[in-house]
């Protein structure tokens, strides 16, 4: 496995060569095709394709494609156009135009144009617009879904605080279940629909 050390940004241009590389320090990868990428430090990933990506540090990406799993331990900010088999983030997640089979975030989430075909689990406030989820599980006081489709169920985990789900122009095809039994679902401007049952919450329009 190749290792690269340094405090300066590293830029790689790789044409048709796949490899596994570890990076230490601020790292910039551009137009790269890699088997596995591990970065210990801030990472800027631009037009990168990889089988797997692990970053410990802040992340920014544009046009990132990861066939397998990606794991980011650190804030993900100002990022757009990502495709992942699975994505796990520990820290704030602020991104647009992301597709993944599974999403797991511990930290606040602000997304637009997110498509998750499978399960999503978020521990922290969720603000999603123009997005799609399979099953959605959230542990937070506030959840905002604006023009969002959930094809499965929405489960709000009990955290002993007041919890509110805001729906605007959104559709939940399954059930909404607040485990605390004390939740609130608020329908904001724009038509929203819950095709299943609302459990453990009052509905306000």
C-alpha atoms as a PDB file:
ATOM      1  CA  UNK A   1       0.000   0.000   0.000  1.00  0.00           C
ATOM      2  CA  UNK A   2       1.331   3.412  -0.944  1.00  0.00           C
ATOM      3  CA  UNK A   3       1.612   6.094   1.748  1.00  0.00           C
ATOM      4  CA  UNK A   4       1.950   9.821   1.174  1.00  0.00           C
ATOM      5  CA  UNK A   5       3.025  12.188   3.958  1.00  0.00           C
ATOM      6  CA  UNK A   6       2.965  15.961   4.029  1.00  0.00           C
ATOM      7  CA  UNK A   7       1.263  19.097   5.217  1.00  0.00           C
ATOM      8  CA  UNK A   8       0.701  20.504   1.737  1.00  0.00           C
ATOM      9  CA  UNK A   9      -2.190  19.583  -0.501  1.00  0.00           C
ATOM     10  CA  UNK A  10      -1.495  16.568  -2.682  1.00  0.00           C
ATOM     11  CA  UNK A  11      -2.907  16.372  -6.183  1.00  0.00           C
ATOM     12  CA  UNK A  12      -2.993  13.184  -8.213  1.00  0.00           C
ATOM     13  CA  UNK A  13      -3.822  12.728 -11.869  1.00  0.00           C
ATOM     14  CA  UNK A  14      -4.296   9.050 -12.547  1.00  0.00           C
ATOM     15  CA  UNK A  15      -5.314   7.709 -15.933  1.00  0.00           C
ATOM     16  CA  UNK A  16      -6.483   4.129 -16.004  1.00  0.00           C
ATOM     17  CA  UNK A  17      -4.436   3.080 -12.956  1.00  0.00           C
ATOM     18  CA  UNK A  18      -6.222   1.864  -9.827  1.00  0.00           C
ATOM     19  CA  UNK A  19      -4.389   1.644  -6.503  1.00  0.00           C
ATOM     20  CA  UNK A  20      -4.850   1.807  -2.737  1.00  0.00           C
ATOM     21  CA  UNK A  21      -3.274   4.844  -1.125  1.00  0.00           C
ATOM     22  CA  UNK A  22      -3.027   6.346   2.388  1.00  0.00           C
ATOM     23  CA  UNK A  23      -2.642  10.133   2.726  1.00  0.00           C
ATOM     24  CA  UNK A  24      -1.464  12.088   5.770  1.00  0.00           C
ATOM     25  CA  UNK A  25      -2.149  15.811   6.013  1.00  0.00           C
ATOM     26  CA  UNK A  26      -4.289  18.118   3.869  1.00  0.00           C
ATOM     27  CA  UNK A  27      -5.071  16.202   0.685  1.00  0.00           C
ATOM     28  CA  UNK A  28      -6.495  17.212  -2.678  1.00  0.00           C
ATOM     29  CA  UNK A  29      -7.372  14.479  -5.153  1.00  0.00           C
ATOM     30  CA  UNK A  30      -8.426  15.399  -8.676  1.00  0.00           C
ATOM     31  CA  UNK A  31      -9.383  13.209 -11.628  1.00  0.00           C
ATOM     32  CA  UNK A  32      -8.266  10.085  -9.766  1.00  0.00           C
ATOM     33  CA  UNK A  33      -9.237   6.422 -10.136  1.00  0.00           C
ATOM     34  CA  UNK A  34      -8.351   4.404  -7.039  1.00  0.00           C
ATOM     35  CA  UNK A  35      -9.136   1.093  -5.342  1.00  0.00           C
ATOM     36  CA  UNK A  36      -9.174   2.408  -1.780  1.00  0.00           C
ATOM     37  CA  UNK A  37      -8.544   5.878  -0.393  1.00  0.00           C
ATOM     38  CA  UNK A  38      -7.720   6.613   3.260  1.00  0.00           C
ATOM     39  CA  UNK A  39      -7.052  10.196   4.316  1.00  0.00           C
ATOM     40  CA  UNK A  40      -5.894  11.349   7.750  1.00  0.00           C
ATOM     41  CA  UNK A  41      -6.558  15.070   7.556  1.00  0.00           C
ATOM     42  CA  UNK A  42      -8.688  17.508   5.554  1.00  0.00           C
ATOM     43  CA  UNK A  43      -9.738  16.118   2.151  1.00  0.00           C
ATOM     44  CA  UNK A  44     -10.889  17.802  -1.047  1.00  0.00           C
ATOM     45  CA  UNK A  45     -12.079  15.206  -3.551  1.00  0.00           C
ATOM     46  CA  UNK A  46     -12.829  16.390  -7.088  1.00  0.00           C
ATOM     47  CA  UNK A  47     -13.778  13.993  -9.892  1.00  0.00           C
ATOM     48  CA  UNK A  48     -12.629  10.940  -7.960  1.00  0.00           C
ATOM     49  CA  UNK A  49     -13.712   7.325  -8.496  1.00  0.00           C
ATOM     50  CA  UNK A  50     -12.869   4.709  -5.869  1.00  0.00           C
ATOM     51  CA  UNK A  51     -13.949   1.371  -4.489  1.00  0.00           C
ATOM     52  CA  UNK A  52     -13.896   2.745  -0.930  1.00  0.00           C
ATOM     53  CA  UNK A  53     -13.075   6.021   0.814  1.00  0.00           C
ATOM     54  CA  UNK A  54     -12.268   6.660   4.491  1.00  0.00           C
ATOM     55  CA  UNK A  55     -11.503  10.186   5.703  1.00  0.00           C
ATOM     56  CA  UNK A  56     -10.694  11.310   9.233  1.00  0.00           C
ATOM     57  CA  UNK A  57     -11.005  15.077   8.973  1.00  0.00           C
ATOM     58  CA  UNK A  58     -13.118  17.701   7.197  1.00  0.00           C
ATOM     59  CA  UNK A  59     -14.376  16.746   3.727  1.00  0.00           C
ATOM     60  CA  UNK A  60     -15.430  18.576   0.596  1.00  0.00           C
ATOM     61  CA  UNK A  61     -16.304  16.670  -2.561  1.00  0.00           C
ATOM     62  CA  UNK A  62     -17.516  17.280  -6.089  1.00  0.00           C
ATOM     63  CA  UNK A  63     -18.240  14.510  -8.589  1.00  0.00           C
ATOM     64  CA  UNK A  64     -17.229  11.723  -6.194  1.00  0.00           C
ATOM     65  CA  UNK A  65     -18.173   8.140  -7.043  1.00  0.00           C
ATOM     66  CA  UNK A  66     -17.587   5.340  -4.517  1.00  0.00           C
ATOM     67  CA  UNK A  67     -18.701   1.881  -5.596  1.00  0.00           C
ATOM     68  CA  UNK A  68     -18.594   0.468  -2.074  1.00  0.00           C
ATOM     69  CA  UNK A  69     -18.639   2.250   1.260  1.00  0.00           C
ATOM     70  CA  UNK A  70     -17.507   5.740   2.221  1.00  0.00           C
ATOM     71  CA  UNK A  71     -16.894   6.757   5.832  1.00  0.00           C
ATOM     72  CA  UNK A  72     -16.255  10.375   6.802  1.00  0.00           C
ATOM     73  CA  UNK A  73     -15.337  11.257  10.387  1.00  0.00           C
ATOM     74  CA  UNK A  74     -15.482  15.025  10.324  1.00  0.00           C
ATOM     75  CA  UNK A  75     -17.736  17.703   8.858  1.00  0.00           C
ATOM     76  CA  UNK A  76     -18.837  17.346   5.231  1.00  0.00           C
ATOM     77  CA  UNK A  77     -19.514  20.811   3.813  1.00  0.00           C
ATOM     78  CA  UNK A  78     -20.177  22.511   0.454  1.00  0.00           C
ATOM     79  CA  UNK A  79     -20.270  19.151  -1.310  1.00  0.00           C
ATOM     80  CA  UNK A  80     -22.186  18.149  -4.436  1.00  0.00           C
ATOM     81  CA  UNK A  81     -22.643  15.296  -6.892  1.00  0.00           C
ATOM     82  CA  UNK A  82     -21.783  12.138  -4.979  1.00  0.00           C
ATOM     83  CA  UNK A  83     -22.655   8.506  -5.647  1.00  0.00           C
ATOM     84  CA  UNK A  84     -22.039   5.882  -2.971  1.00  0.00           C
ATOM     85  CA  UNK A  85     -22.848   2.258  -2.297  1.00  0.00           C
ATOM     86  CA  UNK A  86     -23.145   3.184   1.385  1.00  0.00           C
ATOM     87  CA  UNK A  87     -22.307   6.401   3.222  1.00  0.00           C
ATOM     88  CA  UNK A  88     -21.506   6.934   6.909  1.00  0.00           C
ATOM     89  CA  UNK A  89     -20.813  10.395   8.327  1.00  0.00           C
ATOM     90  CA  UNK A  90     -19.850  11.387  11.859  1.00  0.00           C
ATOM     91  CA  UNK A  91     -20.210  15.149  11.967  1.00  0.00           C
ATOM     92  CA  UNK A  92     -22.338  17.748  10.148  1.00  0.00           C
ATOM     93  CA  UNK A  93     -23.431  16.696   6.656  1.00  0.00           C
ATOM     94  CA  UNK A  94     -24.207  19.513   4.200  1.00  0.00           C
ATOM     95  CA  UNK A  95     -24.463  18.327   0.595  1.00  0.00           C
ATOM     96  CA  UNK A  96     -26.571  18.290  -2.562  1.00  0.00           C
ATOM     97  CA  UNK A  97     -27.235  15.840  -5.384  1.00  0.00           C
ATOM     98  CA  UNK A  98     -26.131  12.710  -3.522  1.00  0.00           C
ATOM     99  CA  UNK A  99     -27.196   9.127  -4.269  1.00  0.00           C
ATOM    100  CA  UNK A 100     -26.539   6.210  -1.932  1.00  0.00           C
ATOM    101  CA  UNK A 101     -27.961   2.819  -1.055  1.00  0.00           C
ATOM    102  CA  UNK A 102     -27.718   3.457   2.695  1.00  0.00           C
ATOM    103  CA  UNK A 103     -27.053   6.544   4.813  1.00  0.00           C
ATOM    104  CA  UNK A 104     -25.947   6.755   8.452  1.00  0.00           C
ATOM    105  CA  UNK A 105     -25.211  10.193   9.951  1.00  0.00           C
ATOM    106  CA  UNK A 106     -24.382  11.234  13.493  1.00  0.00           C
ATOM    107  CA  UNK A 107     -24.676  15.009  13.366  1.00  0.00           C
ATOM    108  CA  UNK A 108     -26.898  17.682  11.823  1.00  0.00           C
ATOM    109  CA  UNK A 109     -27.974  17.039   8.228  1.00  0.00           C
ATOM    110  CA  UNK A 110     -28.853  19.618   5.580  1.00  0.00           C
ATOM    111  CA  UNK A 111     -29.372  18.114   2.127  1.00  0.00           C
ATOM    112  CA  UNK A 112     -30.977  18.898  -1.204  1.00  0.00           C
ATOM    113  CA  UNK A 113     -31.438  16.404  -4.008  1.00  0.00           C
ATOM    114  CA  UNK A 114     -30.553  13.409  -1.815  1.00  0.00           C
ATOM    115  CA  UNK A 115     -31.678   9.946  -3.001  1.00  0.00           C
ATOM    116  CA  UNK A 116     -31.377   7.014  -0.595  1.00  0.00           C
ATOM    117  CA  UNK A 117     -32.759   3.753  -1.952  1.00  0.00           C
ATOM    118  CA  UNK A 118     -32.482   1.862   1.335  1.00  0.00           C
ATOM    119  CA  UNK A 119     -32.380   2.788   5.009  1.00  0.00           C
ATOM    120  CA  UNK A 120     -31.396   6.156   6.462  1.00  0.00           C
ATOM    121  CA  UNK A 121     -30.530   6.714  10.121  1.00  0.00           C
ATOM    122  CA  UNK A 122     -29.808  10.205  11.444  1.00  0.00           C
ATOM    123  CA  UNK A 123     -28.873  11.205  14.989  1.00  0.00           C
ATOM    124  CA  UNK A 124     -29.291  14.959  14.871  1.00  0.00           C
ATOM    125  CA  UNK A 125     -31.591  17.518  13.241  1.00  0.00           C
ATOM    126  CA  UNK A 126     -32.593  16.778   9.654  1.00  0.00           C
ATOM    127  CA  UNK A 127     -33.404  19.377   6.995  1.00  0.00           C
ATOM    128  CA  UNK A 128     -34.080  17.712   3.634  1.00  0.00           C
ATOM    129  CA  UNK A 129     -35.421  19.255   0.421  1.00  0.00           C
ATOM    130  CA  UNK A 130     -36.298  17.688  -2.927  1.00  0.00           C
ATOM    131  CA  UNK A 131     -35.119  14.310  -1.664  1.00  0.00           C
ATOM    132  CA  UNK A 132     -36.099  10.635  -1.531  1.00  0.00           C
ATOM    133  CA  UNK A 133     -35.751   8.108   1.286  1.00  0.00           C
ATOM    134  CA  UNK A 134     -36.576   4.450   1.726  1.00  0.00           C
ATOM    135  CA  UNK A 135     -37.034   3.929   5.475  1.00  0.00           C
ATOM    136  CA  UNK A 136     -36.109   6.942   7.599  1.00  0.00           C
ATOM    137  CA  UNK A 137     -35.127   6.780  11.280  1.00  0.00           C
ATOM    138  CA  UNK A 138     -34.274  10.022  13.086  1.00  0.00           C
ATOM    139  CA  UNK A 139     -33.322  10.955  16.628  1.00  0.00           C
ATOM    140  CA  UNK A 140     -33.818  14.723  16.835  1.00  0.00           C
ATOM    141  CA  UNK A 141     -36.019  17.476  18.183  1.00  0.00           C
ATOM    142  CA  UNK A 142     -36.779  18.875  14.713  1.00  0.00           C
ATOM    143  CA  UNK A 143     -37.170  17.216  11.305  1.00  0.00           C
ATOM    144  CA  UNK A 144     -37.976  19.231   8.188  1.00  0.00           C
ATOM    145  CA  UNK A 145     -39.059  17.474   4.981  1.00  0.00           C
ATOM    146  CA  UNK A 146     -39.659  19.840   2.064  1.00  0.00           C
ATOM    147  CA  UNK A 147     -40.797  18.194  -1.188  1.00  0.00           C
ATOM    148  CA  UNK A 148     -39.592  14.818   0.024  1.00  0.00           C
ATOM    149  CA  UNK A 149     -40.844  11.307  -0.717  1.00  0.00           C
ATOM    150  CA  UNK A 150     -40.428   8.525   1.855  1.00  0.00           C
ATOM    151  CA  UNK A 151     -41.358   5.186   0.319  1.00  0.00           C
ATOM    152  CA  UNK A 152     -41.112   3.330   3.634  1.00  0.00           C
ATOM    153  CA  UNK A 153     -41.720   4.323   7.248  1.00  0.00           C
ATOM    154  CA  UNK A 154     -40.569   7.275   9.335  1.00  0.00           C
ATOM    155  CA  UNK A 155     -39.494   6.388  12.879  1.00  0.00           C
ATOM    156  CA  UNK A 156     -38.632   9.138  15.364  1.00  0.00           C
ATOM    157  CA  UNK A 157     -36.598   7.759  18.260  1.00  0.00           C
ATOM    158  CA  UNK A 158     -37.416   8.902  21.787  1.00  0.00           C
ATOM    159  CA  UNK A 159     -34.866  11.371  23.200  1.00  0.00           C
ATOM    160  CA  UNK A 160     -36.892  12.723  26.156  1.00  0.00           C
ATOM    161  CA  UNK A 161     -37.397  16.096  24.426  1.00  0.00           C
ATOM    162  CA  UNK A 162     -40.159  17.751  22.429  1.00  0.00           C
ATOM    163  CA  UNK A 163     -40.009  16.363  18.879  1.00  0.00           C
ATOM    164  CA  UNK A 164     -41.653  17.804  15.776  1.00  0.00           C
ATOM    165  CA  UNK A 165     -41.803  16.612  12.179  1.00  0.00           C
ATOM    166  CA  UNK A 166     -42.591  19.344   9.631  1.00  0.00           C
ATOM    167  CA  UNK A 167     -43.964  18.270   6.237  1.00  0.00           C
ATOM    168  CA  UNK A 168     -44.198  20.577   3.239  1.00  0.00           C
ATOM    169  CA  UNK A 169     -45.213  19.189  -0.136  1.00  0.00           C
ATOM    170  CA  UNK A 170     -44.047  15.762   1.026  1.00  0.00           C
ATOM    171  CA  UNK A 171     -45.363  12.201   0.881  1.00  0.00           C
ATOM    172  CA  UNK A 172     -44.826   9.379   3.367  1.00  0.00           C
ATOM    173  CA  UNK A 173     -46.049   6.131   1.860  1.00  0.00           C
ATOM    174  CA  UNK A 174     -45.666   4.151   5.071  1.00  0.00           C
ATOM    175  CA  UNK A 175     -46.299   4.983   8.724  1.00  0.00           C
ATOM    176  CA  UNK A 176     -44.979   7.773  10.924  1.00  0.00           C
ATOM    177  CA  UNK A 177     -44.152   6.525  14.422  1.00  0.00           C
ATOM    178  CA  UNK A 178     -42.909   8.645  17.330  1.00  0.00           C
ATOM    179  CA  UNK A 179     -41.570   6.202  19.909  1.00  0.00           C
ATOM    180  CA  UNK A 180     -42.089   8.735  22.725  1.00  0.00           C
ATOM    181  CA  UNK A 181     -45.818   8.855  22.087  1.00  0.00           C
ATOM    182  CA  UNK A 182     -45.604  12.660  22.475  1.00  0.00           C
ATOM    183  CA  UNK A 183     -44.587  13.855  18.998  1.00  0.00           C
ATOM    184  CA  UNK A 184     -46.118  16.447  16.696  1.00  0.00           C
ATOM    185  CA  UNK A 185     -46.524  16.332  12.927  1.00  0.00           C
ATOM    186  CA  UNK A 186     -47.059  19.752  11.373  1.00  0.00           C
ATOM    187  CA  UNK A 187     -48.338  20.150   7.819  1.00  0.00           C
ATOM    188  CA  UNK A 188     -46.919  23.373   6.400  1.00  0.00           C
ATOM    189  CA  UNK A 189     -47.868  25.190   3.183  1.00  0.00           C
ATOM    190  CA  UNK A 190     -48.131  22.864   0.213  1.00  0.00           C
ATOM    191  CA  UNK A 191     -49.958  19.567   0.000  1.00  0.00           C
ATOM    192  CA  UNK A 192     -48.536  16.671   2.005  1.00  0.00           C
ATOM    193  CA  UNK A 193     -49.787  13.123   2.367  1.00  0.00           C
ATOM    194  CA  UNK A 194     -49.264  10.304   4.847  1.00  0.00           C
ATOM    195  CA  UNK A 195     -50.607   7.112   3.299  1.00  0.00           C
ATOM    196  CA  UNK A 196     -50.019   5.002   6.382  1.00  0.00           C
ATOM    197  CA  UNK A 197     -50.809   5.742  10.024  1.00  0.00           C
ATOM    198  CA  UNK A 198     -49.487   8.462  12.311  1.00  0.00           C
ATOM    199  CA  UNK A 199     -48.590   6.851  15.634  1.00  0.00           C
ATOM    200  CA  UNK A 200     -47.475   8.477  18.859  1.00  0.00           C
ATOM    201  CA  UNK A 201     -48.044  12.027  17.586  1.00  0.00           C
ATOM    202  CA  UNK A 202     -50.682  14.670  17.104  1.00  0.00           C
ATOM    203  CA  UNK A 203     -51.314  16.055  13.633  1.00  0.00           C
ATOM    204  CA  UNK A 204     -51.474  19.817  13.092  1.00  0.00           C
ATOM    205  CA  UNK A 205     -52.498  21.514   9.845  1.00  0.00           C
END
